[in-house]
Amino acid sequence: MDYILEGLINGIVLLVSGDEETYSAISTTLKVSTMSIIASLIIGIPIGFVLGYFDFPGKRTLRTISDTLLAMPTVIVGLLVYAFISRRGPLGSLGLLFTLPGIAVGQTILALPVVVSLTAGAVEGLDRQLKLTLLTLGARGRQLAISSLWEGRYAVLLAAATAYGRVISEVGASMMLGGNIKWHTRTMTTAISLETAKGEFDMGIALGLVLMLLAFAVNAALSAFKKRAAQ
């Protein structure tokens, strides 16, 4: 048990002293997770609105697919994206493999079903009279979509926070697509995995503490959103 206490103390020292390698992994994680969550929101919110607002043939099938993909293993996503962006893949010429944008592509795919399904659910849960009211007031097209999403904004924010928690804590896709390159593509989760395998617990614990703080912040935001939505 002594090595756990020692690792905890040394991990805190690394954070307080501003260890460059530790903060490089933190910075990389924040950069790539920000890219992926923004992309997933830009793509996923409109899709989720369409699935939740309109009735059309195949809607139920699309919802089922989106809901099923919520549980997609991260390594499967990493494998599929790797096949496309590797040198022999159809997108190999883009040079995305072992780069932050390459990791962001994989994380975006992971976050997308979360955003789509939860946004669709939020739109479906809106008051049925809202659509008639908006149409009566003359809302059309973009105005109708923006007004509807604004009414369900807390649920959409819940979707965003849930998706962010999904991407910031995953390790499989980041390891496969980024290669865990020091000072370049090493994220907090991949660094923890590497350092633990090496028997070096100091940095692993330090990054674990930061990851727990971020997870706590996301959960606190989720609780706040739920409270606001319930009022």
C-alpha atoms as a PDB file:
ATOM      1  CA  MET A   1       0.000   0.000   0.000  1.00  0.00           C
ATOM      2  CA  ASP A   2       2.967   2.324   0.511  1.00  0.00           C
ATOM      3  CA  TYR A   3       3.590   2.629  -3.227  1.00  0.00           C
ATOM      4  CA  ILE A   4       0.013   3.863  -3.741  1.00  0.00           C
ATOM      5  CA  LEU A   5       0.432   6.639  -1.173  1.00  0.00           C
ATOM      6  CA  GLU A   6       3.845   7.492  -2.570  1.00  0.00           C
ATOM      7  CA  GLY A   7       2.436   7.582  -6.106  1.00  0.00           C
ATOM      8  CA  LEU A   8      -0.382   9.872  -4.983  1.00  0.00           C
ATOM      9  CA  ILE A   9       2.027  12.280  -3.329  1.00  0.00           C
ATOM     10  CA  ASN A  10       4.387  12.270  -6.304  1.00  0.00           C
ATOM     11  CA  GLY A  11       1.457  12.712  -8.673  1.00  0.00           C
ATOM     12  CA  ILE A  12       0.304  15.820  -6.827  1.00  0.00           C
ATOM     13  CA  VAL A  13       3.876  17.116  -6.909  1.00  0.00           C
ATOM     14  CA  LEU A  14       3.954  16.679 -10.692  1.00  0.00           C
ATOM     15  CA  LEU A  15       0.788  18.736 -11.050  1.00  0.00           C
ATOM     16  CA  VAL A  16       1.879  21.462  -8.656  1.00  0.00           C
ATOM     17  CA  SER A  17       5.382  21.717 -10.137  1.00  0.00           C
ATOM     18  CA  GLY A  18       3.984  22.060 -13.686  1.00  0.00           C
ATOM     19  CA  ASP A  19       5.690  18.969 -15.097  1.00  0.00           C
ATOM     20  CA  GLU A  20       5.891  19.512 -18.875  1.00  0.00           C
ATOM     21  CA  GLU A  21       5.182  15.915 -19.879  1.00  0.00           C
ATOM     22  CA  THR A  22       2.144  15.729 -17.625  1.00  0.00           C
ATOM     23  CA  TYR A  23       0.678  18.985 -18.853  1.00  0.00           C
ATOM     24  CA  SER A  24       1.448  18.052 -22.456  1.00  0.00           C
ATOM     25  CA  ALA A  25      -0.912  15.083 -22.118  1.00  0.00           C
ATOM     26  CA  ILE A  26      -3.537  17.293 -20.471  1.00  0.00           C
ATOM     27  CA  SER A  27      -3.241  19.906 -23.221  1.00  0.00           C
ATOM     28  CA  THR A  28      -3.465  17.274 -25.961  1.00  0.00           C
ATOM     29  CA  THR A  29      -6.581  15.773 -24.375  1.00  0.00           C
ATOM     30  CA  LEU A  30      -8.325  19.133 -24.109  1.00  0.00           C
ATOM     31  CA  LYS A  31      -7.443  20.066 -27.700  1.00  0.00           C
ATOM     32  CA  VAL A  32      -8.631  16.844 -29.309  1.00  0.00           C
ATOM     33  CA  SER A  33     -11.754  16.504 -27.153  1.00  0.00           C
ATOM     34  CA  THR A  34     -12.731  20.093 -27.964  1.00  0.00           C
ATOM     35  CA  MET A  35     -12.336  19.443 -31.701  1.00  0.00           C
ATOM     36  CA  SER A  36     -14.368  16.256 -31.540  1.00  0.00           C
ATOM     37  CA  ILE A  37     -17.203  17.619 -29.399  1.00  0.00           C
ATOM     38  CA  ILE A  38     -17.618  20.690 -31.609  1.00  0.00           C
ATOM     39  CA  ALA A  39     -17.731  18.525 -34.738  1.00  0.00           C
ATOM     40  CA  SER A  40     -20.196  16.084 -33.179  1.00  0.00           C
ATOM     41  CA  LEU A  41     -22.519  18.912 -32.110  1.00  0.00           C
ATOM     42  CA  ILE A  42     -22.427  20.607 -35.523  1.00  0.00           C
ATOM     43  CA  ILE A  43     -23.270  17.319 -37.248  1.00  0.00           C
ATOM     44  CA  GLY A  44     -25.384  15.608 -34.591  1.00  0.00           C
ATOM     45  CA  ILE A  45     -27.796  18.325 -33.471  1.00  0.00           C
ATOM     46  CA  PRO A  46     -29.370  18.876 -36.926  1.00  0.00           C
ATOM     47  CA  ILE A  47     -29.636  15.116 -37.475  1.00  0.00           C
ATOM     48  CA  GLY A  48     -31.142  14.648 -34.025  1.00  0.00           C
ATOM     49  CA  PHE A  49     -33.651  17.425 -34.680  1.00  0.00           C
ATOM     50  CA  VAL A  50     -34.776  15.836 -37.951  1.00  0.00           C
ATOM     51  CA  LEU A  51     -35.143  12.418 -36.303  1.00  0.00           C
ATOM     52  CA  GLY A  52     -37.091  13.832 -33.404  1.00  0.00           C
ATOM     53  CA  TYR A  53     -39.262  16.383 -35.185  1.00  0.00           C
ATOM     54  CA  PHE A  54     -40.321  14.806 -38.469  1.00  0.00           C
ATOM     55  CA  ASP A  55     -42.032  11.547 -39.369  1.00  0.00           C
ATOM     56  CA  PHE A  56     -40.709   9.773 -42.455  1.00  0.00           C
ATOM     57  CA  PRO A  57     -40.160   6.208 -43.701  1.00  0.00           C
ATOM     58  CA  GLY A  58     -37.218   4.526 -42.007  1.00  0.00           C
ATOM     59  CA  LYS A  59     -37.205   6.869 -39.013  1.00  0.00           C
ATOM     60  CA  ARG A  60     -37.606   4.060 -36.494  1.00  0.00           C
ATOM     61  CA  THR A  61     -34.762   2.119 -38.108  1.00  0.00           C
ATOM     62  CA  LEU A  62     -32.458   5.135 -37.982  1.00  0.00           C
ATOM     63  CA  ARG A  63     -33.308   5.731 -34.314  1.00  0.00           C
ATOM     64  CA  THR A  64     -32.605   2.091 -33.535  1.00  0.00           C
ATOM     65  CA  ILE A  65     -29.227   2.291 -35.282  1.00  0.00           C
ATOM     66  CA  SER A  66     -28.320   5.485 -33.434  1.00  0.00           C
ATOM     67  CA  ASP A  67     -29.356   4.034 -30.076  1.00  0.00           C
ATOM     68  CA  THR A  68     -27.414   0.835 -30.765  1.00  0.00           C
ATOM     69  CA  LEU A  69     -24.261   2.785 -31.614  1.00  0.00           C
ATOM     70  CA  LEU A  70     -24.349   4.354 -28.152  1.00  0.00           C
ATOM     71  CA  ALA A  71     -22.663   1.210 -26.865  1.00  0.00           C
ATOM     72  CA  MET A  72     -20.158   0.815 -29.722  1.00  0.00           C
ATOM     73  CA  PRO A  73     -16.747  -0.250 -28.309  1.00  0.00           C
ATOM     74  CA  THR A  74     -14.075   2.396 -28.772  1.00  0.00           C
ATOM     75  CA  VAL A  75     -11.596  -0.102 -30.232  1.00  0.00           C
ATOM     76  CA  ILE A  76     -14.070  -0.970 -33.000  1.00  0.00           C
ATOM     77  CA  VAL A  77     -14.336   2.702 -33.907  1.00  0.00           C
ATOM     78  CA  GLY A  78     -10.560   2.962 -33.815  1.00  0.00           C
ATOM     79  CA  LEU A  79     -10.217  -0.073 -36.066  1.00  0.00           C
ATOM     80  CA  LEU A  80     -12.704   1.215 -38.648  1.00  0.00           C
ATOM     81  CA  VAL A  81     -11.248   4.713 -38.766  1.00  0.00           C
ATOM     82  CA  TYR A  82      -7.706   3.296 -38.884  1.00  0.00           C
ATOM     83  CA  ALA A  83      -8.660   1.228 -41.935  1.00  0.00           C
ATOM     84  CA  PHE A  84      -9.840   4.365 -43.730  1.00  0.00           C
ATOM     85  CA  ILE A  85      -7.034   6.772 -42.837  1.00  0.00           C
ATOM     86  CA  SER A  86      -4.050   4.419 -42.943  1.00  0.00           C
ATOM     87  CA  ARG A  87      -1.727   4.639 -45.952  1.00  0.00           C
ATOM     88  CA  ARG A  88      -3.547   1.800 -47.698  1.00  0.00           C
ATOM     89  CA  GLY A  89      -6.970   3.224 -46.876  1.00  0.00           C
ATOM     90  CA  PRO A  90      -9.125   5.406 -49.132  1.00  0.00           C
ATOM     91  CA  LEU A  91      -8.357   8.494 -47.032  1.00  0.00           C
ATOM     92  CA  GLY A  92      -4.679   7.725 -46.502  1.00  0.00           C
ATOM     93  CA  SER A  93      -3.581  10.664 -48.634  1.00  0.00           C
ATOM     94  CA  LEU A  94      -4.986  13.080 -46.051  1.00  0.00           C
ATOM     95  CA  GLY A  95      -2.257  12.140 -43.574  1.00  0.00           C
ATOM     96  CA  LEU A  96      -4.604  11.911 -40.595  1.00  0.00           C
ATOM     97  CA  LEU A  97      -3.094   8.825 -38.976  1.00  0.00           C
ATOM     98  CA  PHE A  98      -1.129   9.565 -35.790  1.00  0.00           C
ATOM     99  CA  THR A  99      -2.338  13.163 -35.665  1.00  0.00           C
ATOM    100  CA  LEU A 100      -4.732  15.046 -33.409  1.00  0.00           C
ATOM    101  CA  PRO A 101      -7.311  15.501 -36.204  1.00  0.00           C
ATOM    102  CA  GLY A 102      -7.149  11.736 -36.766  1.00  0.00           C
ATOM    103  CA  ILE A 103      -7.974  11.111 -33.107  1.00  0.00           C
ATOM    104  CA  ALA A 104     -10.717  13.745 -33.306  1.00  0.00           C
ATOM    105  CA  VAL A 105     -12.338  11.877 -36.209  1.00  0.00           C
ATOM    106  CA  GLY A 106     -12.592   8.720 -34.112  1.00  0.00           C
ATOM    107  CA  GLN A 107     -13.885  10.575 -31.071  1.00  0.00           C
ATOM    108  CA  THR A 108     -16.427  12.438 -33.175  1.00  0.00           C
ATOM    109  CA  ILE A 109     -17.827   9.123 -34.383  1.00  0.00           C
ATOM    110  CA  LEU A 110     -18.048   7.974 -30.760  1.00  0.00           C
ATOM    111  CA  ALA A 111     -19.838  11.128 -29.638  1.00  0.00           C
ATOM    112  CA  LEU A 112     -22.171  11.433 -32.624  1.00  0.00           C
ATOM    113  CA  PRO A 113     -24.726   8.739 -31.599  1.00  0.00           C
ATOM    114  CA  VAL A 114     -24.922  10.290 -28.135  1.00  0.00           C
ATOM    115  CA  VAL A 115     -25.703  13.728 -29.536  1.00  0.00           C
ATOM    116  CA  VAL A 116     -28.127  12.407 -32.159  1.00  0.00           C
ATOM    117  CA  SER A 117     -30.118  10.117 -29.861  1.00  0.00           C
ATOM    118  CA  LEU A 118     -30.362  12.509 -26.919  1.00  0.00           C
ATOM    119  CA  THR A 119     -31.207  15.469 -29.144  1.00  0.00           C
ATOM    120  CA  ALA A 120     -33.913  13.447 -30.905  1.00  0.00           C
ATOM    121  CA  GLY A 121     -35.292  12.419 -27.542  1.00  0.00           C
ATOM    122  CA  ALA A 122     -35.267  16.026 -26.370  1.00  0.00           C
ATOM    123  CA  VAL A 123     -37.182  17.204 -29.439  1.00  0.00           C
ATOM    124  CA  GLU A 124     -39.708  14.369 -29.142  1.00  0.00           C
ATOM    125  CA  GLY A 125     -40.306  15.357 -25.544  1.00  0.00           C
ATOM    126  CA  LEU A 126     -41.328  18.917 -26.400  1.00  0.00           C
ATOM    127  CA  ASP A 127     -44.913  20.036 -25.898  1.00  0.00           C
ATOM    128  CA  ARG A 128     -46.981  18.969 -28.908  1.00  0.00           C
ATOM    129  CA  GLN A 129     -48.629  22.366 -28.985  1.00  0.00           C
ATOM    130  CA  LEU A 130     -45.267  24.046 -29.490  1.00  0.00           C
ATOM    131  CA  LYS A 131     -45.090  23.184 -33.185  1.00  0.00           C
ATOM    132  CA  LEU A 132     -48.585  24.526 -33.834  1.00  0.00           C
ATOM    133  CA  THR A 133     -47.788  27.679 -31.872  1.00  0.00           C
ATOM    134  CA  LEU A 134     -44.582  28.294 -33.799  1.00  0.00           C
ATOM    135  CA  LEU A 135     -46.303  27.677 -37.127  1.00  0.00           C
ATOM    136  CA  THR A 136     -49.091  30.038 -36.124  1.00  0.00           C
ATOM    137  CA  LEU A 137     -46.521  32.700 -35.319  1.00  0.00           C
ATOM    138  CA  GLY A 138     -45.037  32.273 -38.773  1.00  0.00           C
ATOM    139  CA  ALA A 139     -41.918  30.296 -37.924  1.00  0.00           C
ATOM    140  CA  ARG A 140     -40.565  28.317 -40.859  1.00  0.00           C
ATOM    141  CA  GLY A 141     -37.435  26.346 -41.718  1.00  0.00           C
ATOM    142  CA  ARG A 142     -34.446  27.511 -39.690  1.00  0.00           C
ATOM    143  CA  GLN A 143     -36.575  29.604 -37.357  1.00  0.00           C
ATOM    144  CA  LEU A 144     -38.714  26.586 -36.534  1.00  0.00           C
ATOM    145  CA  ALA A 145     -35.669  24.432 -35.813  1.00  0.00           C
ATOM    146  CA  ILE A 146     -33.870  27.056 -33.698  1.00  0.00           C
ATOM    147  CA  SER A 147     -36.991  27.873 -31.679  1.00  0.00           C
ATOM    148  CA  SER A 148     -37.712  24.200 -31.021  1.00  0.00           C
ATOM    149  CA  LEU A 149     -34.127  23.481 -29.992  1.00  0.00           C
ATOM    150  CA  TRP A 150     -34.142  26.527 -27.740  1.00  0.00           C
ATOM    151  CA  GLU A 151     -37.181  25.202 -25.914  1.00  0.00           C
ATOM    152  CA  GLY A 152     -35.325  21.941 -25.364  1.00  0.00           C
ATOM    153  CA  ARG A 153     -31.943  23.598 -24.735  1.00  0.00           C
ATOM    154  CA  TYR A 154     -31.339  21.996 -21.366  1.00  0.00           C
ATOM    155  CA  ALA A 155     -31.804  18.511 -22.782  1.00  0.00           C
ATOM    156  CA  VAL A 156     -29.498  19.393 -25.698  1.00  0.00           C
ATOM    157  CA  LEU A 157     -26.892  20.625 -23.222  1.00  0.00           C
ATOM    158  CA  LEU A 158     -27.257  17.307 -21.420  1.00  0.00           C
ATOM    159  CA  ALA A 159     -26.491  15.574 -24.708  1.00  0.00           C
ATOM    160  CA  ALA A 160     -23.389  17.709 -25.205  1.00  0.00           C
ATOM    161  CA  ALA A 161     -22.111  17.081 -21.679  1.00  0.00           C
ATOM    162  CA  THR A 162     -22.738  13.339 -21.946  1.00  0.00           C
ATOM    163  CA  ALA A 163     -20.935  13.199 -25.284  1.00  0.00           C
ATOM    164  CA  TYR A 164     -17.985  15.114 -23.856  1.00  0.00           C
ATOM    165  CA  GLY A 165     -17.716  12.698 -20.975  1.00  0.00           C
ATOM    166  CA  ARG A 166     -17.684   9.847 -23.499  1.00  0.00           C
ATOM    167  CA  VAL A 167     -14.807  11.204 -25.590  1.00  0.00           C
ATOM    168  CA  ILE A 168     -12.593  12.564 -22.844  1.00  0.00           C
ATOM    169  CA  SER A 169     -12.431   9.234 -21.047  1.00  0.00           C
ATOM    170  CA  GLU A 170     -11.975   6.847 -23.991  1.00  0.00           C
ATOM    171  CA  VAL A 171      -8.635   5.168 -24.641  1.00  0.00           C
ATOM    172  CA  GLY A 172      -9.032   2.575 -27.415  1.00  0.00           C
ATOM    173  CA  ALA A 173      -9.545   4.863 -30.406  1.00  0.00           C
ATOM    174  CA  SER A 174      -6.996   7.411 -29.176  1.00  0.00           C
ATOM    175  CA  MET A 175      -4.347   4.726 -28.793  1.00  0.00           C
ATOM    176  CA  MET A 176      -4.958   3.246 -32.246  1.00  0.00           C
ATOM    177  CA  LEU A 177      -5.364   6.463 -34.200  1.00  0.00           C
ATOM    178  CA  GLY A 178      -2.858   8.640 -32.349  1.00  0.00           C
ATOM    179  CA  GLY A 179      -0.144   6.102 -31.665  1.00  0.00           C
ATOM    180  CA  ASN A 180       0.449   7.513 -28.159  1.00  0.00           C
ATOM    181  CA  ILE A 181       3.349   9.655 -29.412  1.00  0.00           C
ATOM    182  CA  LYS A 182       5.036  11.600 -26.621  1.00  0.00           C
ATOM    183  CA  TRP A 183       4.647  15.400 -26.878  1.00  0.00           C
ATOM    184  CA  HIS A 184       2.382  14.955 -29.886  1.00  0.00           C
ATOM    185  CA  THR A 185      -0.628  12.627 -29.619  1.00  0.00           C
ATOM    186  CA  ARG A 186      -0.359  11.266 -26.078  1.00  0.00           C
ATOM    187  CA  THR A 187      -3.605  11.950 -24.235  1.00  0.00           C
ATOM    188  CA  MET A 188      -4.317  11.543 -20.555  1.00  0.00           C
ATOM    189  CA  THR A 189      -5.944   8.140 -20.948  1.00  0.00           C
ATOM    190  CA  THR A 190      -3.233   6.719 -23.218  1.00  0.00           C
ATOM    191  CA  ALA A 191      -0.525   8.125 -20.932  1.00  0.00           C
ATOM    192  CA  ILE A 192      -2.156   6.504 -17.901  1.00  0.00           C
ATOM    193  CA  SER A 193      -2.282   3.181 -19.726  1.00  0.00           C
ATOM    194  CA  LEU A 194       1.383   3.428 -20.761  1.00  0.00           C
ATOM    195  CA  GLU A 195       2.755   4.592 -17.423  1.00  0.00           C
ATOM    196  CA  THR A 196       0.816   1.949 -15.509  1.00  0.00           C
ATOM    197  CA  ALA A 197       2.121  -0.775 -17.829  1.00  0.00           C
ATOM    198  CA  LYS A 198       5.656   0.478 -17.135  1.00  0.00           C
ATOM    199  CA  GLY A 199       5.056   0.383 -13.398  1.00  0.00           C
ATOM    200  CA  GLU A 200       5.352   4.186 -13.183  1.00  0.00           C
ATOM    201  CA  PHE A 201       2.401   5.318 -11.128  1.00  0.00           C
ATOM    202  CA  ASP A 202       3.332   8.955 -10.465  1.00  0.00           C
ATOM    203  CA  MET A 203       2.212  10.446 -13.775  1.00  0.00           C
ATOM    204  CA  GLY A 204      -0.627   7.947 -14.057  1.00  0.00           C
ATOM    205  CA  ILE A 205      -2.043   9.066 -10.740  1.00  0.00           C
ATOM    206  CA  ALA A 206      -1.506  12.745 -11.576  1.00  0.00           C
ATOM    207  CA  LEU A 207      -3.375  12.414 -14.863  1.00  0.00           C
ATOM    208  CA  GLY A 208      -5.991  10.234 -13.191  1.00  0.00           C
ATOM    209  CA  LEU A 209      -6.681  13.025 -10.704  1.00  0.00           C
ATOM    210  CA  VAL A 210      -7.134  15.543 -13.511  1.00  0.00           C
ATOM    211  CA  LEU A 211      -9.382  13.134 -15.399  1.00  0.00           C
ATOM    212  CA  MET A 212     -11.488  12.597 -12.284  1.00  0.00           C
ATOM    213  CA  LEU A 213     -11.793  16.366 -11.811  1.00  0.00           C
ATOM    214  CA  LEU A 214     -12.945  16.761 -15.410  1.00  0.00           C
ATOM    215  CA  ALA A 215     -15.422  13.902 -14.996  1.00  0.00           C
ATOM    216  CA  PHE A 216     -16.684  15.513 -11.796  1.00  0.00           C
ATOM    217  CA  ALA A 217     -17.096  18.830 -13.615  1.00  0.00           C
ATOM    218  CA  VAL A 218     -19.080  17.139 -16.384  1.00  0.00           C
ATOM    219  CA  ASN A 219     -21.300  15.337 -13.869  1.00  0.00           C
ATOM    220  CA  ALA A 220     -21.804  18.561 -11.916  1.00  0.00           C
ATOM    221  CA  ALA A 221     -22.852  20.276 -15.136  1.00  0.00           C
ATOM    222  CA  LEU A 222     -25.228  17.404 -15.912  1.00  0.00           C
ATOM    223  CA  SER A 223     -26.822  17.710 -12.470  1.00  0.00           C
ATOM    224  CA  ALA A 224     -27.185  21.459 -12.868  1.00  0.00           C
ATOM    225  CA  PHE A 225     -28.777  21.052 -16.302  1.00  0.00           C
ATOM    226  CA  LYS A 226     -31.203  18.434 -14.991  1.00  0.00           C
ATOM    227  CA  LYS A 227     -32.157  20.699 -12.116  1.00  0.00           C
ATOM    228  CA  ARG A 228     -32.765  23.623 -14.435  1.00  0.00           C
ATOM    229  CA  ALA A 229     -34.754  21.465 -16.837  1.00  0.00           C
ATOM    230  CA  ALA A 230     -36.957  20.183 -14.015  1.00  0.00           C
ATOM    231  CA  GLN A 231     -37.860  23.678 -12.857  1.00  0.00           C
END
